[in-house]
Protein backbone atom coordinates (compact mmCIF):
# COMPACT_ATOMS: atom_id res chain seq x y z
CA MET A 1 -0.30 0.02 -0.22
CA HIS A 2 1.11 3.75 -0.69
CA ILE A 3 0.82 5.21 2.96
CA LEU A 4 2.22 8.58 3.80
CA LEU A 5 2.88 9.03 7.45
CA VAL A 6 3.33 12.06 10.05
CA ASP A 7 5.08 11.93 12.94
CA ASP A 8 7.07 15.00 15.04
CA ASN A 9 9.54 12.49 16.37
CA SER A 10 12.16 11.86 14.09
CA LEU A 11 12.95 8.45 15.75
CA VAL A 12 9.72 7.37 15.64
CA LEU A 13 8.96 8.55 11.79
CA GLU A 14 12.22 6.54 11.21
CA ASP A 15 11.50 3.56 12.32
CA LEU A 16 8.35 3.63 11.89
CA ALA A 17 8.78 3.78 8.15
CA ALA A 18 11.79 1.35 7.97
CA THR A 19 9.01 -1.26 9.57
CA LEU A 20 6.18 -0.40 7.11
CA GLU A 21 8.76 -0.75 4.00
CA VAL A 22 10.15 -4.34 5.23
CA ALA A 23 6.29 -5.35 5.72
CA GLY A 24 6.05 -4.20 2.05
CA HIS A 25 4.49 -0.60 1.63
CA HIS A 26 5.44 2.47 -0.14
CA VAL A 27 5.82 5.31 2.72
CA ILE A 28 6.34 8.71 2.47
CA THR A 29 6.84 10.81 5.56
CA PHE A 30 6.55 13.89 6.84
CA SER A 31 7.52 15.77 10.20
CA ARG A 32 4.99 18.79 10.36
CA GLY A 33 0.95 18.02 9.50
CA LYS A 34 1.23 21.42 7.53
CA ASP A 35 3.43 19.40 5.01
CA LEU A 36 1.16 16.33 4.82
CA ILE A 37 -1.34 18.45 4.21
CA GLN A 38 0.04 20.23 1.77
CA HIS A 39 1.48 17.25 -0.30
CA VAL A 40 -2.11 15.70 0.04
CA GLN A 41 -3.81 19.35 -1.65
CA GLU A 42 -0.82 18.49 -4.60
CA ASN A 43 -1.71 14.94 -4.64
CA PRO A 44 -4.11 13.48 -3.47
CA VAL A 45 -3.20 9.86 -4.29
CA CYS A 46 -2.60 7.61 -1.59
CA ASP A 47 -4.13 4.31 0.26
CA VAL A 48 -3.65 5.34 3.90
CA ILE A 49 -2.99 7.72 6.02
CA VAL A 50 -1.01 7.53 9.23
CA THR A 51 -0.58 10.51 11.90
CA ASP A 52 0.61 11.16 15.46
CA LYS A 53 -1.68 12.84 17.70
CA ASN A 54 0.72 14.81 19.43
CA MET A 55 2.54 17.11 17.34
CA PRO A 56 2.93 21.13 17.73
CA LYS A 57 1.06 23.69 15.42
CA MET A 58 -0.86 21.31 13.76
CA ASP A 59 -1.93 18.07 16.16
CA GLY A 60 -3.65 14.81 14.97
CA PHE A 61 -7.02 16.12 15.09
CA GLU A 62 -6.43 19.21 13.20
CA VAL A 63 -4.46 16.74 10.48
CA LEU A 64 -7.53 14.26 10.72
CA THR A 65 -10.12 17.03 10.29
CA THR A 66 -8.65 19.03 7.42
CA LEU A 67 -7.95 15.66 5.41
CA ARG A 68 -11.50 14.65 6.39
CA ASN A 69 -12.64 17.97 4.70
CA ASN A 70 -11.25 16.61 1.22
CA LYS A 71 -13.47 15.12 -0.89
CA ALA A 72 -10.86 13.36 -2.58
CA LEU A 73 -9.65 11.66 1.10
CA ASP A 74 -13.43 10.98 2.13
CA LYS A 75 -13.21 6.98 1.63
CA THR A 76 -9.30 6.93 2.92
CA PRO A 77 -8.43 5.23 5.52
CA ILE A 78 -6.67 8.04 8.09
CA ILE A 79 -4.97 6.13 11.31
CA MET A 80 -4.15 8.18 14.14
CA HIS A 81 -1.20 6.37 15.31
CA THR A 82 -0.83 7.87 19.16
CA SER A 83 0.75 6.13 22.97
CA GLU A 84 -1.61 7.60 24.17
CA PRO A 85 -4.57 4.50 25.50
CA GLY A 86 -8.71 5.25 25.29
CA LEU A 87 -8.60 7.39 22.48
CA GLU A 88 -10.65 5.31 20.00
CA PRO A 89 -14.19 6.71 20.35
CA ILE A 90 -12.87 10.24 20.21
CA VAL A 91 -11.10 9.44 17.07
CA LYS A 92 -13.72 7.85 15.67
CA LYS A 93 -16.05 10.53 15.81
CA TYR A 94 -13.30 13.05 13.81
CA GLY A 95 -13.69 10.09 11.21
CA GLY A 96 -10.70 8.26 11.81
CA LEU A 97 -9.21 5.01 12.57
CA TYR A 98 -7.02 4.34 15.97
CA ALA A 99 -4.07 2.46 16.51
CA GLU A 100 -2.17 2.41 20.01
CA LYS A 101 1.83 2.82 19.47
CA VAL A 102 2.28 0.18 21.85
CA PRO A 103 3.59 -2.90 21.14
CA LEU A 104 5.83 -0.68 18.58
CA SER A 105 3.81 -0.84 15.24
CA LYS A 106 2.06 -4.66 15.81
CA ASN A 107 -0.93 -2.73 16.19
CA LEU A 108 -0.73 -0.58 13.39
CA LEU A 109 0.40 -3.37 11.20
CA ASN A 110 -2.55 -5.37 12.29
CA LEU A 111 -4.82 -2.53 11.12
CA LEU A 112 -3.32 -2.00 7.82
CA ARG A 113 -3.65 -5.85 6.88
CA LYS A 114 -7.11 -5.40 8.12
CA ILE A 115 -7.38 -2.20 5.47
CA GLU A 116 -5.92 -4.20 2.88
CA ASN A 117 -8.00 -7.33 3.27
CA GLY A 118 -11.08 -4.99 3.26
CA GLU A 119 -12.17 -5.91 6.52
CA VAL A 120 -12.49 -2.14 7.73
CA THR A 121 -13.37 0.23 5.24
CA MET A 122 -14.25 4.12 5.64
């Protein structure tokens, strides 16, 4: 799958991108939500978008809200990938999916597999 990934923590971003690429995904990374939004406005082609929740200036909920207002992305799964437990009901209200970061990337990889298999749709 073609995945857009945004996280302000460069170590997490590099590790997660490497994990996803080893799993066979094509990943484009961004360190700021604003950069992801700009990229999507110019080129909205992707299978999944993964965003961190806690980022400066534009947090994950702002990213999610902005992306959900883009009609070209209304069927694109957007995953909030965060270390904060218990946010799933809130993330769903914003039109997103939720994957907890612990254990590192296992939850995200499981959710991506479900999306790829058509078990989860937007």
